[in-house]
């Protein structure tokens, strides 16, 4: 039925052309020749349209480290998946996939016939590599950098080692300029390369703005526990921390709750989270265009260019900085924007630090 609907416009066009030629009084031979040419053109147009609409992917599944209601990392991926569903793809997802279940979940989706399977986080890389070798006819995507080591990676995996740390650096620079106590904080969710590079870049950016700044950092070990996020933030605030960046999804929502209760500045993650706290308290948010990461891969697959490693950041628009709150003075905005621009134009180049 779908193919018939696509063919109807070109068939109707050919019929109209034939009728017009007949009405004009052309000879039978001329009419037949014109009709044959029109049919051929219609067939070519139909073939071109079908070729453009065909995709190597019909179904997409994603493994999530948290829950689609976290208003951050996981929800962004879910929204990207919904966009693909609207385009006609079959979709599926599994929430809160932890280490013990990573490989089995990948394999289950492969066995269920899903064409394109996504591990939404660097932590899924090792399990994905093991599975991809056994399913060369499937496509796999990891939103993170490849596993360490010299082992050659399967060609049916793509890694998106986005430069989230560039945004963290800018946030650290802003936090140091906005701090009155001279003590700022960072709360992360997991002990992985993305989180470590965020944490270290935040510290680096803060020190660039104020060499005397004191940065307290905590990796909570969970992305899915708002109570731990709140407890961690409250402990930091008791130590004098007056600006906190969180990159820990649902855990970070608890940190925001603590900042809101205590009137402490915070910086959001993935989406613009200014509405989660009182007006002015959220200085900005480190934006990650997660839906773009996911939906763009289909075009890459269809172009036959899938696989390997991409490293987009601020310059490509995958990483961004949300609008600044009313609490940020204009002179501070100018300084922070200058730093951001230096990362975009390449006059400042960061080396990611993945150490704990």
C-alpha atoms as a PDB file:
ATOM      1  CA  UNK A   1       0.000   0.000   0.000  1.00  0.00           C
ATOM      2  CA  UNK A   2       2.822   2.415   0.875  1.00  0.00           C
ATOM      3  CA  UNK A   3       4.531   1.724  -2.511  1.00  0.00           C
ATOM      4  CA  UNK A   4       1.233   2.208  -4.378  1.00  0.00           C
ATOM      5  CA  UNK A   5       0.711   5.612  -2.779  1.00  0.00           C
ATOM      6  CA  UNK A   6       4.205   6.643  -3.856  1.00  0.00           C
ATOM      7  CA  UNK A   7       3.570   5.487  -7.435  1.00  0.00           C
ATOM      8  CA  UNK A   8       0.169   7.146  -7.912  1.00  0.00           C
ATOM      9  CA  UNK A   9       1.409  10.715  -8.542  1.00  0.00           C
ATOM     10  CA  UNK A  10       3.824   9.709 -11.284  1.00  0.00           C
ATOM     11  CA  UNK A  11       1.291   7.358 -12.908  1.00  0.00           C
ATOM     12  CA  UNK A  12      -1.326  10.088 -12.891  1.00  0.00           C
ATOM     13  CA  UNK A  13       1.158  12.476 -14.488  1.00  0.00           C
ATOM     14  CA  UNK A  14       1.813   9.995 -17.284  1.00  0.00           C
ATOM     15  CA  UNK A  15      -1.942   9.511 -17.847  1.00  0.00           C
ATOM     16  CA  UNK A  16      -2.548  13.242 -18.045  1.00  0.00           C
ATOM     17  CA  UNK A  17       0.253  13.605 -20.614  1.00  0.00           C
ATOM     18  CA  UNK A  18      -1.208  10.820 -22.752  1.00  0.00           C
ATOM     19  CA  UNK A  19      -4.658  12.366 -22.645  1.00  0.00           C
ATOM     20  CA  UNK A  20      -3.303  15.749 -23.621  1.00  0.00           C
ATOM     21  CA  UNK A  21      -1.413  14.365 -26.583  1.00  0.00           C
ATOM     22  CA  UNK A  22      -4.464  12.487 -27.833  1.00  0.00           C
ATOM     23  CA  UNK A  23      -6.665  15.565 -27.479  1.00  0.00           C
ATOM     24  CA  UNK A  24      -4.254  17.620 -29.551  1.00  0.00           C
ATOM     25  CA  UNK A  25      -4.877  15.355 -32.521  1.00  0.00           C
ATOM     26  CA  UNK A  26      -1.418  13.785 -32.865  1.00  0.00           C
ATOM     27  CA  UNK A  27      -0.995  10.634 -34.893  1.00  0.00           C
ATOM     28  CA  UNK A  28      -1.340   7.270 -33.229  1.00  0.00           C
ATOM     29  CA  UNK A  29       2.410   6.618 -33.610  1.00  0.00           C
ATOM     30  CA  UNK A  30       3.303   9.996 -32.136  1.00  0.00           C
ATOM     31  CA  UNK A  31       0.903   9.436 -29.282  1.00  0.00           C
ATOM     32  CA  UNK A  32       2.316   5.983 -28.577  1.00  0.00           C
ATOM     33  CA  UNK A  33       5.923   7.239 -28.667  1.00  0.00           C
ATOM     34  CA  UNK A  34       5.122  10.119 -26.350  1.00  0.00           C
ATOM     35  CA  UNK A  35       3.284   7.815 -23.997  1.00  0.00           C
ATOM     36  CA  UNK A  36       6.240   5.428 -23.914  1.00  0.00           C
ATOM     37  CA  UNK A  37       8.620   8.297 -23.129  1.00  0.00           C
ATOM     38  CA  UNK A  38       6.289   9.625 -20.413  1.00  0.00           C
ATOM     39  CA  UNK A  39       6.019   6.196 -18.826  1.00  0.00           C
ATOM     40  CA  UNK A  40       9.792   5.823 -18.845  1.00  0.00           C
ATOM     41  CA  UNK A  41      10.237   9.210 -17.192  1.00  0.00           C
ATOM     42  CA  UNK A  42       7.565   8.322 -14.652  1.00  0.00           C
ATOM     43  CA  UNK A  43       9.338   5.061 -13.898  1.00  0.00           C
ATOM     44  CA  UNK A  44      12.643   6.843 -13.424  1.00  0.00           C
ATOM     45  CA  UNK A  45      11.025   9.362 -11.080  1.00  0.00           C
ATOM     46  CA  UNK A  46       9.401   6.573  -9.094  1.00  0.00           C
ATOM     47  CA  UNK A  47      12.685   4.681  -8.847  1.00  0.00           C
ATOM     48  CA  UNK A  48      14.487   7.809  -7.701  1.00  0.00           C
ATOM     49  CA  UNK A  49      11.838   8.470  -5.067  1.00  0.00           C
ATOM     50  CA  UNK A  50      11.947   4.892  -3.814  1.00  0.00           C
ATOM     51  CA  UNK A  51      15.747   4.989  -3.698  1.00  0.00           C
ATOM     52  CA  UNK A  52      15.653   8.188  -1.655  1.00  0.00           C
ATOM     53  CA  UNK A  53      13.133   6.749   0.784  1.00  0.00           C
ATOM     54  CA  UNK A  54      14.807   3.386   1.280  1.00  0.00           C
ATOM     55  CA  UNK A  55      16.965   3.033   4.372  1.00  0.00           C
ATOM     56  CA  UNK A  56      19.263   0.344   5.676  1.00  0.00           C
ATOM     57  CA  UNK A  57      17.517   0.801   9.022  1.00  0.00           C
ATOM     58  CA  UNK A  58      13.895  -0.002   9.851  1.00  0.00           C
ATOM     59  CA  UNK A  59      14.072  -0.497  13.611  1.00  0.00           C
ATOM     60  CA  UNK A  60      16.046   1.214  16.372  1.00  0.00           C
ATOM     61  CA  UNK A  61      16.641   0.270  20.006  1.00  0.00           C
ATOM     62  CA  UNK A  62      18.497   2.073  22.761  1.00  0.00           C
ATOM     63  CA  UNK A  63      20.037   1.086  26.094  1.00  0.00           C
ATOM     64  CA  UNK A  64      19.699   3.845  28.690  1.00  0.00           C
ATOM     65  CA  UNK A  65      21.692   4.206  31.919  1.00  0.00           C
ATOM     66  CA  UNK A  66      18.792   5.952  33.651  1.00  0.00           C
ATOM     67  CA  UNK A  67      15.137   6.839  33.221  1.00  0.00           C
ATOM     68  CA  UNK A  68      13.346   8.770  30.504  1.00  0.00           C
ATOM     69  CA  UNK A  69      11.847  11.099  33.121  1.00  0.00           C
ATOM     70  CA  UNK A  70      15.198  12.508  34.313  1.00  0.00           C
ATOM     71  CA  UNK A  71      14.723  15.728  32.280  1.00  0.00           C
ATOM     72  CA  UNK A  72      18.329  15.362  31.188  1.00  0.00           C
ATOM     73  CA  UNK A  73      20.570  12.812  29.458  1.00  0.00           C
ATOM     74  CA  UNK A  74      18.095   9.930  29.193  1.00  0.00           C
ATOM     75  CA  UNK A  75      15.047  12.021  28.396  1.00  0.00           C
ATOM     76  CA  UNK A  76      16.968  13.712  25.579  1.00  0.00           C
ATOM     77  CA  UNK A  77      17.758  10.327  24.036  1.00  0.00           C
ATOM     78  CA  UNK A  78      14.152   9.233  24.404  1.00  0.00           C
ATOM     79  CA  UNK A  79      12.983  12.386  22.623  1.00  0.00           C
ATOM     80  CA  UNK A  80      15.383  11.626  19.779  1.00  0.00           C
ATOM     81  CA  UNK A  81      13.927   8.130  19.575  1.00  0.00           C
ATOM     82  CA  UNK A  82      10.381   9.525  19.421  1.00  0.00           C
ATOM     83  CA  UNK A  83      11.426  11.749  16.513  1.00  0.00           C
ATOM     84  CA  UNK A  84      12.542   8.652  14.634  1.00  0.00           C
ATOM     85  CA  UNK A  85       9.292   6.870  15.491  1.00  0.00           C
ATOM     86  CA  UNK A  86       7.373   9.771  13.932  1.00  0.00           C
ATOM     87  CA  UNK A  87       9.405   9.186  10.773  1.00  0.00           C
ATOM     88  CA  UNK A  88       8.140   5.615  10.585  1.00  0.00           C
ATOM     89  CA  UNK A  89      10.855   3.629  12.363  1.00  0.00           C
ATOM     90  CA  UNK A  90      10.064   0.912  14.868  1.00  0.00           C
ATOM     91  CA  UNK A  91      11.606   1.816  18.235  1.00  0.00           C
ATOM     92  CA  UNK A  92      12.342   0.197  21.580  1.00  0.00           C
ATOM     93  CA  UNK A  93      14.275   1.154  24.694  1.00  0.00           C
ATOM     94  CA  UNK A  94      15.396  -0.313  28.002  1.00  0.00           C
ATOM     95  CA  UNK A  95      15.937   1.935  31.018  1.00  0.00           C
ATOM     96  CA  UNK A  96      18.543   1.632  33.774  1.00  0.00           C
ATOM     97  CA  UNK A  97      20.762  -0.915  31.991  1.00  0.00           C
ATOM     98  CA  UNK A  98      23.668  -1.561  34.335  1.00  0.00           C
ATOM     99  CA  UNK A  99      26.948  -3.412  33.820  1.00  0.00           C
ATOM    100  CA  UNK A 100      25.694  -6.938  34.474  1.00  0.00           C
ATOM    101  CA  UNK A 101      22.955  -6.639  31.830  1.00  0.00           C
ATOM    102  CA  UNK A 102      24.657  -4.638  29.083  1.00  0.00           C
ATOM    103  CA  UNK A 103      25.827  -7.474  26.843  1.00  0.00           C
ATOM    104  CA  UNK A 104      22.683  -9.552  27.207  1.00  0.00           C
ATOM    105  CA  UNK A 105      20.480  -6.551  26.403  1.00  0.00           C
ATOM    106  CA  UNK A 106      22.467  -5.789  23.245  1.00  0.00           C
ATOM    107  CA  UNK A 107      22.188  -9.434  22.176  1.00  0.00           C
ATOM    108  CA  UNK A 108      18.461  -9.590  22.853  1.00  0.00           C
ATOM    109  CA  UNK A 109      17.813  -6.615  20.596  1.00  0.00           C
ATOM    110  CA  UNK A 110      19.972  -8.202  17.880  1.00  0.00           C
ATOM    111  CA  UNK A 111      18.063 -11.469  18.118  1.00  0.00           C
ATOM    112  CA  UNK A 112      14.772  -9.544  18.000  1.00  0.00           C
ATOM    113  CA  UNK A 113      15.806  -8.125  14.640  1.00  0.00           C
ATOM    114  CA  UNK A 114      16.597  -4.514  15.475  1.00  0.00           C
ATOM    115  CA  UNK A 115      18.857  -2.967  12.819  1.00  0.00           C
ATOM    116  CA  UNK A 116      20.362  -0.078  14.774  1.00  0.00           C
ATOM    117  CA  UNK A 117      21.203  -0.432  18.470  1.00  0.00           C
ATOM    118  CA  UNK A 118      22.469   2.408  20.642  1.00  0.00           C
ATOM    119  CA  UNK A 119      24.337   2.311  23.934  1.00  0.00           C
ATOM    120  CA  UNK A 120      23.653   5.731  25.427  1.00  0.00           C
ATOM    121  CA  UNK A 121      26.875   6.349  27.311  1.00  0.00           C
ATOM    122  CA  UNK A 122      30.567   5.584  27.198  1.00  0.00           C
ATOM    123  CA  UNK A 123      30.075   2.763  29.706  1.00  0.00           C
ATOM    124  CA  UNK A 124      28.412   0.610  27.025  1.00  0.00           C
ATOM    125  CA  UNK A 125      31.466   0.523  24.743  1.00  0.00           C
ATOM    126  CA  UNK A 126      33.126  -2.729  25.856  1.00  0.00           C
ATOM    127  CA  UNK A 127      29.919  -4.782  25.816  1.00  0.00           C
ATOM    128  CA  UNK A 128      28.949  -3.330  22.450  1.00  0.00           C
ATOM    129  CA  UNK A 129      32.283  -4.265  20.855  1.00  0.00           C
ATOM    130  CA  UNK A 130      31.893  -7.864  21.990  1.00  0.00           C
ATOM    131  CA  UNK A 131      28.373  -8.112  20.582  1.00  0.00           C
ATOM    132  CA  UNK A 132      29.031  -6.240  17.320  1.00  0.00           C
ATOM    133  CA  UNK A 133      31.614  -8.813  16.266  1.00  0.00           C
ATOM    134  CA  UNK A 134      28.892 -11.485  16.334  1.00  0.00           C
ATOM    135  CA  UNK A 135      26.319  -9.432  14.416  1.00  0.00           C
ATOM    136  CA  UNK A 136      28.096  -7.825  11.422  1.00  0.00           C
ATOM    137  CA  UNK A 137      24.769  -7.067   9.721  1.00  0.00           C
ATOM    138  CA  UNK A 138      23.643  -4.764  12.563  1.00  0.00           C
ATOM    139  CA  UNK A 139      24.659  -1.155  13.244  1.00  0.00           C
ATOM    140  CA  UNK A 140      25.775  -0.048  16.705  1.00  0.00           C
ATOM    141  CA  UNK A 141      26.270   3.429  18.128  1.00  0.00           C
ATOM    142  CA  UNK A 142      27.885   4.557  21.378  1.00  0.00           C
ATOM    143  CA  UNK A 143      27.458   8.109  22.676  1.00  0.00           C
ATOM    144  CA  UNK A 144      30.987   8.237  24.016  1.00  0.00           C
ATOM    145  CA  UNK A 145      34.590   7.473  23.144  1.00  0.00           C
ATOM    146  CA  UNK A 146      35.879   4.003  22.156  1.00  0.00           C
ATOM    147  CA  UNK A 147      37.240   1.588  24.777  1.00  0.00           C
ATOM    148  CA  UNK A 148      40.927   2.021  25.596  1.00  0.00           C
ATOM    149  CA  UNK A 149      43.414  -0.254  23.879  1.00  0.00           C
ATOM    150  CA  UNK A 150      44.920  -0.984  20.489  1.00  0.00           C
ATOM    151  CA  UNK A 151      42.367  -3.586  19.448  1.00  0.00           C
ATOM    152  CA  UNK A 152      40.847  -2.941  16.021  1.00  0.00           C
ATOM    153  CA  UNK A 153      37.174  -2.062  16.401  1.00  0.00           C
ATOM    154  CA  UNK A 154      34.409  -3.626  14.300  1.00  0.00           C
ATOM    155  CA  UNK A 155      33.394  -1.487  11.332  1.00  0.00           C
ATOM    156  CA  UNK A 156      29.703  -1.625  12.227  1.00  0.00           C
ATOM    157  CA  UNK A 157      30.138   0.563  15.354  1.00  0.00           C
ATOM    158  CA  UNK A 158      30.265   4.348  15.466  1.00  0.00           C
ATOM    159  CA  UNK A 159      31.481   6.274  18.499  1.00  0.00           C
ATOM    160  CA  UNK A 160      30.453   9.868  19.179  1.00  0.00           C
ATOM    161  CA  UNK A 161      33.198  11.242  21.412  1.00  0.00           C
ATOM    162  CA  UNK A 162      31.565  14.639  21.740  1.00  0.00           C
ATOM    163  CA  UNK A 163      33.577  17.363  23.489  1.00  0.00           C
ATOM    164  CA  UNK A 164      31.324  17.802  26.481  1.00  0.00           C
ATOM    165  CA  UNK A 165      34.381  18.909  28.423  1.00  0.00           C
ATOM    166  CA  UNK A 166      34.477  22.130  26.371  1.00  0.00           C
ATOM    167  CA  UNK A 167      31.144  23.116  27.865  1.00  0.00           C
ATOM    168  CA  UNK A 168      32.316  22.073  31.332  1.00  0.00           C
ATOM    169  CA  UNK A 169      35.361  24.310  30.965  1.00  0.00           C
ATOM    170  CA  UNK A 170      33.145  27.296  30.146  1.00  0.00           C
ATOM    171  CA  UNK A 171      30.914  26.479  33.117  1.00  0.00           C
ATOM    172  CA  UNK A 172      33.930  26.322  35.434  1.00  0.00           C
ATOM    173  CA  UNK A 173      35.083  29.714  34.176  1.00  0.00           C
ATOM    174  CA  UNK A 174      31.632  31.168  34.868  1.00  0.00           C
ATOM    175  CA  UNK A 175      31.360  29.536  38.297  1.00  0.00           C
ATOM    176  CA  UNK A 176      34.696  30.948  39.437  1.00  0.00           C
ATOM    177  CA  UNK A 177      33.739  34.461  38.340  1.00  0.00           C
ATOM    178  CA  UNK A 178      30.361  34.232  40.095  1.00  0.00           C
ATOM    179  CA  UNK A 179      31.597  32.724  43.367  1.00  0.00           C
ATOM    180  CA  UNK A 180      31.757  35.025  46.376  1.00  0.00           C
ATOM    181  CA  UNK A 181      33.135  32.439  48.806  1.00  0.00           C
ATOM    182  CA  UNK A 182      35.937  31.326  46.467  1.00  0.00           C
ATOM    183  CA  UNK A 183      34.679  27.714  46.754  1.00  0.00           C
ATOM    184  CA  UNK A 184      32.709  26.011  43.992  1.00  0.00           C
ATOM    185  CA  UNK A 185      31.545  22.437  43.445  1.00  0.00           C
ATOM    186  CA  UNK A 186      31.042  19.741  40.838  1.00  0.00           C
ATOM    187  CA  UNK A 187      28.792  16.677  41.254  1.00  0.00           C
ATOM    188  CA  UNK A 188      29.099  13.836  38.741  1.00  0.00           C
ATOM    189  CA  UNK A 189      27.203  10.589  38.412  1.00  0.00           C
ATOM    190  CA  UNK A 190      29.599   7.909  37.187  1.00  0.00           C
ATOM    191  CA  UNK A 191      33.269   7.023  37.152  1.00  0.00           C
ATOM    192  CA  UNK A 192      33.714   7.003  33.370  1.00  0.00           C
ATOM    193  CA  UNK A 193      35.783   8.959  30.872  1.00  0.00           C
ATOM    194  CA  UNK A 194      33.056  11.474  30.006  1.00  0.00           C
ATOM    195  CA  UNK A 195      32.377  12.335  33.637  1.00  0.00           C
ATOM    196  CA  UNK A 196      36.059  12.505  34.521  1.00  0.00           C
ATOM    197  CA  UNK A 197      36.826  14.813  31.600  1.00  0.00           C
ATOM    198  CA  UNK A 198      33.876  17.026  32.570  1.00  0.00           C
ATOM    199  CA  UNK A 199      35.074  17.254  36.143  1.00  0.00           C
ATOM    200  CA  UNK A 200      38.681  18.018  35.201  1.00  0.00           C
ATOM    201  CA  UNK A 201      37.708  20.571  32.555  1.00  0.00           C
ATOM    202  CA  UNK A 202      35.433  22.318  35.047  1.00  0.00           C
ATOM    203  CA  UNK A 203      38.358  22.612  37.452  1.00  0.00           C
ATOM    204  CA  UNK A 204      40.661  23.782  34.645  1.00  0.00           C
ATOM    205  CA  UNK A 205      38.221  26.455  33.524  1.00  0.00           C
ATOM    206  CA  UNK A 206      37.685  27.684  37.065  1.00  0.00           C
ATOM    207  CA  UNK A 207      41.425  28.002  37.677  1.00  0.00           C
ATOM    208  CA  UNK A 208      41.829  29.890  34.416  1.00  0.00           C
ATOM    209  CA  UNK A 209      39.333  32.473  35.685  1.00  0.00           C
ATOM    210  CA  UNK A 210      40.662  32.531  39.255  1.00  0.00           C
ATOM    211  CA  UNK A 211      43.930  30.745  40.127  1.00  0.00           C
ATOM    212  CA  UNK A 212      42.958  30.865  43.815  1.00  0.00           C
ATOM    213  CA  UNK A 213      39.573  29.172  43.415  1.00  0.00           C
ATOM    214  CA  UNK A 214      38.865  26.070  45.531  1.00  0.00           C
ATOM    215  CA  UNK A 215      36.951  23.384  43.614  1.00  0.00           C
ATOM    216  CA  UNK A 216      35.284  20.518  45.501  1.00  0.00           C
ATOM    217  CA  UNK A 217      34.331  17.518  43.344  1.00  0.00           C
ATOM    218  CA  UNK A 218      32.263  14.402  44.049  1.00  0.00           C
ATOM    219  CA  UNK A 219      31.407  11.458  41.782  1.00  0.00           C
ATOM    220  CA  UNK A 220      28.311   9.980  43.432  1.00  0.00           C
ATOM    221  CA  UNK A 221      28.375   6.646  41.600  1.00  0.00           C
ATOM    222  CA  UNK A 222      24.761   6.950  40.465  1.00  0.00           C
ATOM    223  CA  UNK A 223      22.744   8.880  37.910  1.00  0.00           C
ATOM    224  CA  UNK A 224      19.401   7.751  39.304  1.00  0.00           C
ATOM    225  CA  UNK A 225      19.175   8.802  42.969  1.00  0.00           C
ATOM    226  CA  UNK A 226      18.002  12.344  43.642  1.00  0.00           C
ATOM    227  CA  UNK A 227      18.319  11.871  47.414  1.00  0.00           C
ATOM    228  CA  UNK A 228      22.069  11.253  47.083  1.00  0.00           C
ATOM    229  CA  UNK A 229      22.356  14.293  44.853  1.00  0.00           C
ATOM    230  CA  UNK A 230      20.641  16.438  47.441  1.00  0.00           C
ATOM    231  CA  UNK A 231      22.741  15.088  50.314  1.00  0.00           C
ATOM    232  CA  UNK A 232      25.941  15.690  48.356  1.00  0.00           C
ATOM    233  CA  UNK A 233      24.980  19.245  47.459  1.00  0.00           C
ATOM    234  CA  UNK A 234      23.954  20.067  51.029  1.00  0.00           C
ATOM    235  CA  UNK A 235      27.300  18.778  52.315  1.00  0.00           C
ATOM    236  CA  UNK A 236      29.126  20.971  49.788  1.00  0.00           C
ATOM    237  CA  UNK A 237      27.073  24.008  50.730  1.00  0.00           C
ATOM    238  CA  UNK A 238      27.967  23.470  54.397  1.00  0.00           C
ATOM    239  CA  UNK A 239      31.627  23.635  53.317  1.00  0.00           C
ATOM    240  CA  UNK A 240      31.080  27.056  51.763  1.00  0.00           C
ATOM    241  CA  UNK A 241      30.434  26.059  48.149  1.00  0.00           C
ATOM    242  CA  UNK A 242      28.265  28.701  46.486  1.00  0.00           C
ATOM    243  CA  UNK A 243      28.114  27.485  42.852  1.00  0.00           C
ATOM    244  CA  UNK A 244      27.515  23.846  41.801  1.00  0.00           C
ATOM    245  CA  UNK A 245      27.636  22.211  38.373  1.00  0.00           C
ATOM    246  CA  UNK A 246      25.906  18.827  38.234  1.00  0.00           C
ATOM    247  CA  UNK A 247      26.204  16.377  35.334  1.00  0.00           C
ATOM    248  CA  UNK A 248      24.340  13.464  36.892  1.00  0.00           C
ATOM    249  CA  UNK A 249      20.806  13.387  35.463  1.00  0.00           C
ATOM    250  CA  UNK A 250      18.180  12.397  38.059  1.00  0.00           C
ATOM    251  CA  UNK A 251      20.788  12.556  40.821  1.00  0.00           C
ATOM    252  CA  UNK A 252      21.398  16.130  39.729  1.00  0.00           C
ATOM    253  CA  UNK A 253      17.755  17.033  40.257  1.00  0.00           C
ATOM    254  CA  UNK A 254      18.339  16.436  43.966  1.00  0.00           C
ATOM    255  CA  UNK A 255      21.363  18.737  43.856  1.00  0.00           C
ATOM    256  CA  UNK A 256      19.161  21.405  42.293  1.00  0.00           C
ATOM    257  CA  UNK A 257      16.621  20.943  45.063  1.00  0.00           C
ATOM    258  CA  UNK A 258      19.321  21.587  47.676  1.00  0.00           C
ATOM    259  CA  UNK A 259      20.559  24.680  45.832  1.00  0.00           C
ATOM    260  CA  UNK A 260      17.030  26.013  45.588  1.00  0.00           C
ATOM    261  CA  UNK A 261      16.400  25.520  49.304  1.00  0.00           C
ATOM    262  CA  UNK A 262      19.690  27.158  50.259  1.00  0.00           C
ATOM    263  CA  UNK A 263      19.657  29.939  47.661  1.00  0.00           C
ATOM    264  CA  UNK A 264      22.890  28.722  46.061  1.00  0.00           C
ATOM    265  CA  UNK A 265      23.807  29.130  42.409  1.00  0.00           C
ATOM    266  CA  UNK A 266      23.722  26.028  40.219  1.00  0.00           C
ATOM    267  CA  UNK A 267      24.476  25.064  36.613  1.00  0.00           C
ATOM    268  CA  UNK A 268      22.311  22.569  34.725  1.00  0.00           C
ATOM    269  CA  UNK A 269      23.112  19.726  32.375  1.00  0.00           C
ATOM    270  CA  UNK A 270      21.983  18.480  28.933  1.00  0.00           C
ATOM    271  CA  UNK A 271      18.908  20.732  28.678  1.00  0.00           C
ATOM    272  CA  UNK A 272      18.181  24.273  29.882  1.00  0.00           C
ATOM    273  CA  UNK A 273      17.228  23.582  33.513  1.00  0.00           C
ATOM    274  CA  UNK A 274      16.624  27.162  34.645  1.00  0.00           C
ATOM    275  CA  UNK A 275      12.962  26.423  35.399  1.00  0.00           C
ATOM    276  CA  UNK A 276      13.882  23.828  38.040  1.00  0.00           C
ATOM    277  CA  UNK A 277      14.955  26.446  40.584  1.00  0.00           C
ATOM    278  CA  UNK A 278      13.962  29.951  41.621  1.00  0.00           C
ATOM    279  CA  UNK A 279      14.522  32.715  39.115  1.00  0.00           C
ATOM    280  CA  UNK A 280      18.182  33.605  38.670  1.00  0.00           C
ATOM    281  CA  UNK A 281      19.702  30.702  40.631  1.00  0.00           C
ATOM    282  CA  UNK A 282      20.528  28.558  37.580  1.00  0.00           C
ATOM    283  CA  UNK A 283      23.369  30.557  36.047  1.00  0.00           C
ATOM    284  CA  UNK A 284      23.258  28.575  32.789  1.00  0.00           C
ATOM    285  CA  UNK A 285      23.218  24.943  31.627  1.00  0.00           C
ATOM    286  CA  UNK A 286      25.744  22.790  29.794  1.00  0.00           C
ATOM    287  CA  UNK A 287      23.722  21.785  26.744  1.00  0.00           C
ATOM    288  CA  UNK A 288      24.153  18.475  24.936  1.00  0.00           C
ATOM    289  CA  UNK A 289      22.078  17.990  21.784  1.00  0.00           C
ATOM    290  CA  UNK A 290      21.316  14.336  22.419  1.00  0.00           C
ATOM    291  CA  UNK A 291      18.419  14.043  19.920  1.00  0.00           C
ATOM    292  CA  UNK A 292      20.677  15.388  17.162  1.00  0.00           C
ATOM    293  CA  UNK A 293      23.350  12.819  18.000  1.00  0.00           C
ATOM    294  CA  UNK A 294      20.906   9.979  17.493  1.00  0.00           C
ATOM    295  CA  UNK A 295      18.778  11.101  14.553  1.00  0.00           C
ATOM    296  CA  UNK A 296      21.798  12.197  12.485  1.00  0.00           C
ATOM    297  CA  UNK A 297      23.193   8.666  12.455  1.00  0.00           C
ATOM    298  CA  UNK A 298      20.467   7.369  10.142  1.00  0.00           C
ATOM    299  CA  UNK A 299      21.583   9.700   7.348  1.00  0.00           C
ATOM    300  CA  UNK A 300      25.188   8.649   7.914  1.00  0.00           C
ATOM    301  CA  UNK A 301      24.233   4.968   7.649  1.00  0.00           C
ATOM    302  CA  UNK A 302      22.254   5.548   4.461  1.00  0.00           C
ATOM    303  CA  UNK A 303      25.157   7.492   2.962  1.00  0.00           C
ATOM    304  CA  UNK A 304      27.411   4.484   3.526  1.00  0.00           C
ATOM    305  CA  UNK A 305      29.706   6.477   5.801  1.00  0.00           C
ATOM    306  CA  UNK A 306      28.867   4.852   9.125  1.00  0.00           C
ATOM    307  CA  UNK A 307      31.531   3.690  11.573  1.00  0.00           C
ATOM    308  CA  UNK A 308      34.569   5.082  13.316  1.00  0.00           C
ATOM    309  CA  UNK A 309      34.826   8.088  15.584  1.00  0.00           C
ATOM    310  CA  UNK A 310      33.415  11.615  15.518  1.00  0.00           C
ATOM    311  CA  UNK A 311      34.515  14.432  17.848  1.00  0.00           C
ATOM    312  CA  UNK A 312      31.975  17.280  17.703  1.00  0.00           C
ATOM    313  CA  UNK A 313      31.814  20.025  20.312  1.00  0.00           C
ATOM    314  CA  UNK A 314      30.963  23.696  20.670  1.00  0.00           C
ATOM    315  CA  UNK A 315      31.998  24.525  17.108  1.00  0.00           C
ATOM    316  CA  UNK A 316      29.583  21.959  15.654  1.00  0.00           C
ATOM    317  CA  UNK A 317      26.695  22.939  17.931  1.00  0.00           C
ATOM    318  CA  UNK A 318      26.408  19.521  19.581  1.00  0.00           C
ATOM    319  CA  UNK A 319      27.624  21.124  22.829  1.00  0.00           C
ATOM    320  CA  UNK A 320      26.263  24.494  23.884  1.00  0.00           C
ATOM    321  CA  UNK A 321      25.714  26.943  26.719  1.00  0.00           C
ATOM    322  CA  UNK A 322      22.163  27.945  27.684  1.00  0.00           C
ATOM    323  CA  UNK A 323      21.141  31.602  28.131  1.00  0.00           C
ATOM    324  CA  UNK A 324      22.631  33.176  31.255  1.00  0.00           C
ATOM    325  CA  UNK A 325      20.411  34.042  34.199  1.00  0.00           C
ATOM    326  CA  UNK A 326      19.581  37.569  35.255  1.00  0.00           C
ATOM    327  CA  UNK A 327      22.049  37.155  38.138  1.00  0.00           C
ATOM    328  CA  UNK A 328      25.055  37.112  35.783  1.00  0.00           C
ATOM    329  CA  UNK A 329      26.461  40.644  35.210  1.00  0.00           C
ATOM    330  CA  UNK A 330      27.105  41.809  31.661  1.00  0.00           C
ATOM    331  CA  UNK A 331      30.850  42.070  32.170  1.00  0.00           C
ATOM    332  CA  UNK A 332      30.961  38.452  33.346  1.00  0.00           C
ATOM    333  CA  UNK A 333      28.905  37.334  30.342  1.00  0.00           C
ATOM    334  CA  UNK A 334      31.363  39.092  28.042  1.00  0.00           C
ATOM    335  CA  UNK A 335      34.319  37.314  29.626  1.00  0.00           C
ATOM    336  CA  UNK A 336      32.660  33.904  29.496  1.00  0.00           C
ATOM    337  CA  UNK A 337      31.492  34.401  25.914  1.00  0.00           C
ATOM    338  CA  UNK A 338      35.039  35.313  24.912  1.00  0.00           C
ATOM    339  CA  UNK A 339      36.286  32.029  26.367  1.00  0.00           C
ATOM    340  CA  UNK A 340      33.532  30.099  24.612  1.00  0.00           C
ATOM    341  CA  UNK A 341      34.374  31.767  21.307  1.00  0.00           C
ATOM    342  CA  UNK A 342      38.048  30.901  21.701  1.00  0.00           C
ATOM    343  CA  UNK A 343      37.062  27.234  21.931  1.00  0.00           C
ATOM    344  CA  UNK A 344      34.818  27.549  18.884  1.00  0.00           C
ATOM    345  CA  UNK A 345      37.407  29.238  16.683  1.00  0.00           C
ATOM    346  CA  UNK A 346      40.232  26.984  17.868  1.00  0.00           C
ATOM    347  CA  UNK A 347      42.422  29.619  19.487  1.00  0.00           C
ATOM    348  CA  UNK A 348      41.957  27.645  22.718  1.00  0.00           C
ATOM    349  CA  UNK A 349      42.274  23.869  22.424  1.00  0.00           C
ATOM    350  CA  UNK A 350      41.644  21.592  25.397  1.00  0.00           C
ATOM    351  CA  UNK A 351      43.166  18.186  25.949  1.00  0.00           C
ATOM    352  CA  UNK A 352      40.605  15.956  27.686  1.00  0.00           C
ATOM    353  CA  UNK A 353      41.791  14.604  31.023  1.00  0.00           C
ATOM    354  CA  UNK A 354      40.204  11.225  31.771  1.00  0.00           C
ATOM    355  CA  UNK A 355      41.892  10.673  35.132  1.00  0.00           C
ATOM    356  CA  UNK A 356      39.818  10.215  38.245  1.00  0.00           C
END
